[in-house]
Amino acid sequence: MTEKDIQVALPYVKDLPQATEPFMAKVAVTDKNFGRVPKVYIRTSLDKMVSPKLQEEMLGNWEVEQIHTLPAGHFPTLSLPAELAELLL
């Protein structure tokens, strides 16, 4: 993420509280619902919030149809929107 990206995003996030409960809550997923949705994972190789190691661990818990890597931080929607859209469409 560049300094310009940060300046664009900052007004939208700087005073927002961080929701932490979703990270601790147990969630029940079923094959009937979550399991039937095709999944694509976008690795973000420059992510400083979710390390590459943690991304790999997360991938080990899900069935993913496609895995792509972008040279981006945690918000590729800001830093590489065209590249992200191309992968998802």
N, C-alpha and C. Protein backbone atom coordinates (compact mmCIF):
# COMPACT_ATOMS: atom_id res chain seq x y z
N MET A 1 0.85 -1.16 0.00
CA MET A 1 0.00 0.00 0.00
C MET A 1 0.90 1.23 0.00
N THR A 2 0.60 2.14 -0.87
CA THR A 2 1.41 3.35 -0.97
C THR A 2 0.91 4.41 0.00
N GLU A 3 1.70 5.45 0.16
CA GLU A 3 1.30 6.57 1.01
C GLU A 3 0.01 7.20 0.48
N LYS A 4 -0.12 7.27 -0.84
CA LYS A 4 -1.34 7.82 -1.44
C LYS A 4 -2.56 6.96 -1.07
N ASP A 5 -2.41 5.63 -1.13
CA ASP A 5 -3.50 4.73 -0.75
C ASP A 5 -3.93 4.97 0.69
N ILE A 6 -2.94 5.15 1.55
CA ILE A 6 -3.23 5.38 2.97
C ILE A 6 -4.01 6.68 3.14
N GLN A 7 -3.60 7.72 2.45
CA GLN A 7 -4.28 9.01 2.57
C GLN A 7 -5.71 8.95 2.05
N VAL A 8 -5.95 8.15 1.02
CA VAL A 8 -7.31 7.98 0.49
C VAL A 8 -8.17 7.22 1.49
N ALA A 9 -7.63 6.18 2.11
CA ALA A 9 -8.40 5.32 3.00
C ALA A 9 -8.59 5.91 4.39
N LEU A 10 -7.64 6.69 4.86
CA LEU A 10 -7.63 7.16 6.24
C LEU A 10 -8.93 7.83 6.69
N PRO A 11 -9.51 8.73 5.92
CA PRO A 11 -10.76 9.36 6.40
C PRO A 11 -11.89 8.37 6.65
N TYR A 12 -11.85 7.23 5.99
CA TYR A 12 -12.92 6.25 6.13
C TYR A 12 -12.73 5.34 7.34
N VAL A 13 -11.52 5.20 7.83
CA VAL A 13 -11.27 4.21 8.88
C VAL A 13 -10.65 4.75 10.16
N LYS A 14 -10.16 5.97 10.17
CA LYS A 14 -9.35 6.41 11.30
C LYS A 14 -10.08 6.46 12.64
N ASP A 15 -11.36 6.75 12.64
CA ASP A 15 -12.07 6.84 13.92
C ASP A 15 -13.03 5.68 14.16
N LEU A 16 -12.91 4.64 13.37
CA LEU A 16 -13.79 3.49 13.55
C LEU A 16 -13.24 2.56 14.62
N PRO A 17 -14.09 2.09 15.53
CA PRO A 17 -13.61 1.10 16.49
C PRO A 17 -13.39 -0.23 15.78
N GLN A 18 -12.47 -1.00 16.28
CA GLN A 18 -12.20 -2.32 15.70
C GLN A 18 -13.08 -3.35 16.38
N ALA A 19 -13.88 -4.01 15.59
CA ALA A 19 -14.73 -5.08 16.13
C ALA A 19 -13.86 -6.31 16.37
N THR A 20 -13.77 -6.75 17.61
CA THR A 20 -12.94 -7.91 17.91
C THR A 20 -13.76 -9.17 18.18
N GLU A 21 -15.02 -9.01 18.54
CA GLU A 21 -15.85 -10.17 18.85
C GLU A 21 -15.95 -11.17 17.69
N PRO A 22 -16.06 -10.71 16.44
CA PRO A 22 -16.14 -11.69 15.35
C PRO A 22 -14.93 -12.62 15.27
N PHE A 23 -13.80 -12.19 15.76
CA PHE A 23 -12.61 -13.04 15.72
C PHE A 23 -12.66 -14.12 16.79
N MET A 24 -13.46 -13.92 17.82
CA MET A 24 -13.53 -14.87 18.92
C MET A 24 -14.78 -15.76 18.87
N ALA A 25 -15.80 -15.31 18.16
CA ALA A 25 -17.07 -16.04 18.14
C ALA A 25 -16.94 -17.34 17.35
N LYS A 26 -17.56 -18.39 17.87
CA LYS A 26 -17.61 -19.66 17.14
C LYS A 26 -18.70 -19.55 16.09
N VAL A 27 -18.38 -20.02 14.92
CA VAL A 27 -19.32 -19.97 13.80
C VAL A 27 -19.52 -21.38 13.28
N ALA A 28 -20.76 -21.77 13.12
CA ALA A 28 -21.06 -23.09 12.56
C ALA A 28 -21.32 -22.94 11.07
N VAL A 29 -20.55 -23.64 10.28
CA VAL A 29 -20.76 -23.63 8.83
C VAL A 29 -21.13 -25.04 8.40
N THR A 30 -21.96 -25.12 7.38
CA THR A 30 -22.41 -26.42 6.90
C THR A 30 -22.08 -26.57 5.43
N ASP A 31 -21.98 -27.81 5.00
CA ASP A 31 -21.78 -28.06 3.58
C ASP A 31 -22.99 -27.59 2.77
N LYS A 32 -24.16 -27.65 3.38
CA LYS A 32 -25.38 -27.24 2.68
C LYS A 32 -25.33 -25.76 2.30
N ASN A 33 -24.77 -24.93 3.14
CA ASN A 33 -24.74 -23.50 2.87
C ASN A 33 -23.34 -23.04 2.45
N PHE A 34 -22.46 -22.89 3.39
CA PHE A 34 -21.11 -22.39 3.11
C PHE A 34 -20.36 -23.32 2.15
N GLY A 35 -20.58 -24.60 2.29
CA GLY A 35 -19.86 -25.57 1.47
C GLY A 35 -20.21 -25.54 0.00
N ARG A 36 -21.37 -25.03 -0.34
CA ARG A 36 -21.76 -25.03 -1.75
C ARG A 36 -21.34 -23.78 -2.51
N VAL A 37 -20.76 -22.82 -1.81
CA VAL A 37 -20.33 -21.58 -2.45
C VAL A 37 -18.90 -21.76 -2.96
N PRO A 38 -18.66 -21.56 -4.27
CA PRO A 38 -17.29 -21.66 -4.78
C PRO A 38 -16.41 -20.59 -4.12
N LYS A 39 -15.19 -20.96 -3.78
CA LYS A 39 -14.31 -20.04 -3.06
C LYS A 39 -13.03 -19.77 -3.84
N VAL A 40 -12.63 -18.51 -3.81
CA VAL A 40 -11.37 -18.05 -4.39
C VAL A 40 -10.62 -17.35 -3.27
N TYR A 41 -9.33 -17.64 -3.13
CA TYR A 41 -8.53 -16.98 -2.11
C TYR A 41 -7.49 -16.11 -2.80
N ILE A 42 -7.38 -14.88 -2.36
CA ILE A 42 -6.37 -13.96 -2.87
C ILE A 42 -5.32 -13.80 -1.78
N ARG A 43 -4.14 -14.38 -2.00
CA ARG A 43 -3.02 -14.16 -1.07
C ARG A 43 -2.53 -12.73 -1.28
N THR A 44 -2.21 -12.08 -0.19
CA THR A 44 -1.63 -10.74 -0.27
C THR A 44 -0.22 -10.83 0.30
N SER A 45 0.75 -10.86 -0.60
CA SER A 45 2.13 -11.17 -0.21
C SER A 45 2.80 -10.08 0.62
N LEU A 46 2.25 -8.86 0.62
CA LEU A 46 2.84 -7.77 1.41
C LEU A 46 2.00 -7.44 2.64
N ASP A 47 1.08 -8.31 2.98
CA ASP A 47 0.16 -8.08 4.09
C ASP A 47 0.91 -8.07 5.41
N LYS A 48 0.71 -7.01 6.18
CA LYS A 48 1.34 -6.92 7.50
C LYS A 48 0.32 -7.20 8.61
N MET A 49 -0.94 -7.41 8.24
CA MET A 49 -1.97 -7.73 9.23
C MET A 49 -2.19 -9.24 9.34
N VAL A 50 -2.19 -9.91 8.20
CA VAL A 50 -2.35 -11.37 8.16
C VAL A 50 -1.11 -11.91 7.46
N SER A 51 -0.22 -12.48 8.23
CA SER A 51 1.07 -12.93 7.70
C SER A 51 0.90 -14.01 6.64
N PRO A 52 1.88 -14.16 5.76
CA PRO A 52 1.83 -15.26 4.79
C PRO A 52 1.65 -16.62 5.46
N LYS A 53 2.29 -16.82 6.60
CA LYS A 53 2.16 -18.09 7.32
C LYS A 53 0.71 -18.31 7.77
N LEU A 54 0.10 -17.28 8.33
CA LEU A 54 -1.30 -17.40 8.76
C LEU A 54 -2.22 -17.60 7.56
N GLN A 55 -1.93 -16.93 6.45
CA GLN A 55 -2.75 -17.13 5.25
C GLN A 55 -2.70 -18.59 4.81
N GLU A 56 -1.51 -19.20 4.87
CA GLU A 56 -1.38 -20.61 4.50
C GLU A 56 -2.15 -21.51 5.47
N GLU A 57 -2.11 -21.18 6.76
CA GLU A 57 -2.86 -21.96 7.74
C GLU A 57 -4.36 -21.85 7.48
N MET A 58 -4.83 -20.66 7.16
CA MET A 58 -6.24 -20.47 6.86
C MET A 58 -6.64 -21.28 5.64
N LEU A 59 -5.79 -21.29 4.63
CA LEU A 59 -6.08 -22.06 3.42
C LEU A 59 -6.19 -23.55 3.71
N GLY A 60 -5.47 -24.02 4.71
CA GLY A 60 -5.53 -25.43 5.07
C GLY A 60 -6.87 -25.84 5.67
N ASN A 61 -7.66 -24.85 6.08
CA ASN A 61 -8.96 -25.13 6.70
C ASN A 61 -10.14 -25.06 5.73
N TRP A 62 -9.89 -24.63 4.51
CA TRP A 62 -10.98 -24.43 3.56
C TRP A 62 -10.72 -25.16 2.26
N GLU A 63 -11.80 -25.54 1.60
CA GLU A 63 -11.68 -26.04 0.23
C GLU A 63 -11.81 -24.83 -0.68
N VAL A 64 -10.75 -24.56 -1.42
CA VAL A 64 -10.70 -23.38 -2.28
C VAL A 64 -10.50 -23.84 -3.71
N GLU A 65 -11.30 -23.29 -4.63
CA GLU A 65 -11.18 -23.69 -6.03
C GLU A 65 -10.00 -23.03 -6.72
N GLN A 66 -9.72 -21.79 -6.36
CA GLN A 66 -8.62 -21.06 -6.98
C GLN A 66 -7.86 -20.29 -5.91
N ILE A 67 -6.55 -20.20 -6.08
CA ILE A 67 -5.71 -19.39 -5.20
C ILE A 67 -4.87 -18.49 -6.10
N HIS A 68 -4.89 -17.21 -5.80
CA HIS A 68 -4.09 -16.24 -6.55
C HIS A 68 -3.26 -15.44 -5.55
N THR A 69 -2.19 -14.85 -6.02
CA THR A 69 -1.35 -14.01 -5.17
C THR A 69 -1.20 -12.64 -5.80
N LEU A 70 -1.40 -11.61 -4.99
CA LEU A 70 -1.18 -10.24 -5.43
C LEU A 70 -0.08 -9.63 -4.57
N PRO A 71 0.81 -8.83 -5.19
CA PRO A 71 1.83 -8.13 -4.42
C PRO A 71 1.21 -6.90 -3.75
N ALA A 72 0.39 -7.17 -2.75
CA ALA A 72 -0.38 -6.11 -2.11
C ALA A 72 -0.39 -6.32 -0.61
N GLY A 73 -0.76 -5.26 0.09
CA GLY A 73 -0.97 -5.34 1.52
C GLY A 73 -2.37 -5.87 1.80
N HIS A 74 -2.89 -5.54 2.96
CA HIS A 74 -4.15 -6.10 3.44
C HIS A 74 -5.37 -5.65 2.63
N PHE A 75 -5.25 -4.54 1.91
CA PHE A 75 -6.39 -3.99 1.18
C PHE A 75 -6.12 -3.88 -0.31
N PRO A 76 -6.09 -5.00 -1.03
CA PRO A 76 -5.85 -4.91 -2.47
C PRO A 76 -6.95 -4.16 -3.20
N THR A 77 -8.11 -4.01 -2.56
CA THR A 77 -9.17 -3.21 -3.18
C THR A 77 -8.76 -1.75 -3.31
N LEU A 78 -7.84 -1.31 -2.47
CA LEU A 78 -7.33 0.06 -2.57
C LEU A 78 -6.07 0.15 -3.41
N SER A 79 -5.14 -0.77 -3.19
CA SER A 79 -3.84 -0.65 -3.85
C SER A 79 -3.79 -1.24 -5.25
N LEU A 80 -4.56 -2.29 -5.51
CA LEU A 80 -4.54 -2.94 -6.83
C LEU A 80 -5.97 -3.30 -7.26
N PRO A 81 -6.87 -2.33 -7.33
CA PRO A 81 -8.27 -2.67 -7.62
C PRO A 81 -8.49 -3.32 -8.98
N ALA A 82 -7.81 -2.86 -10.00
CA ALA A 82 -8.00 -3.44 -11.34
C ALA A 82 -7.50 -4.88 -11.38
N GLU A 83 -6.34 -5.12 -10.78
CA GLU A 83 -5.77 -6.46 -10.77
C GLU A 83 -6.65 -7.43 -9.97
N LEU A 84 -7.17 -6.95 -8.85
CA LEU A 84 -8.06 -7.78 -8.04
C LEU A 84 -9.34 -8.11 -8.81
N ALA A 85 -9.93 -7.10 -9.42
CA ALA A 85 -11.16 -7.33 -10.19
C ALA A 85 -10.93 -8.32 -11.32
N GLU A 86 -9.79 -8.22 -11.98
CA GLU A 86 -9.49 -9.14 -13.08
C GLU A 86 -9.43 -10.59 -12.59
N LEU A 87 -8.88 -10.79 -11.40
CA LEU A 87 -8.81 -12.15 -10.85
C LEU A 87 -10.19 -12.70 -10.48
N LEU A 88 -11.06 -11.82 -10.03
CA LEU A 88 -12.36 -12.27 -9.52
C LEU A 88 -13.44 -12.39 -10.58
N LEU A 89 -13.24 -11.73 -11.70
CA LEU A 89 -14.28 -11.77 -12.75
C LEU A 89 -14.01 -12.82 -13.79
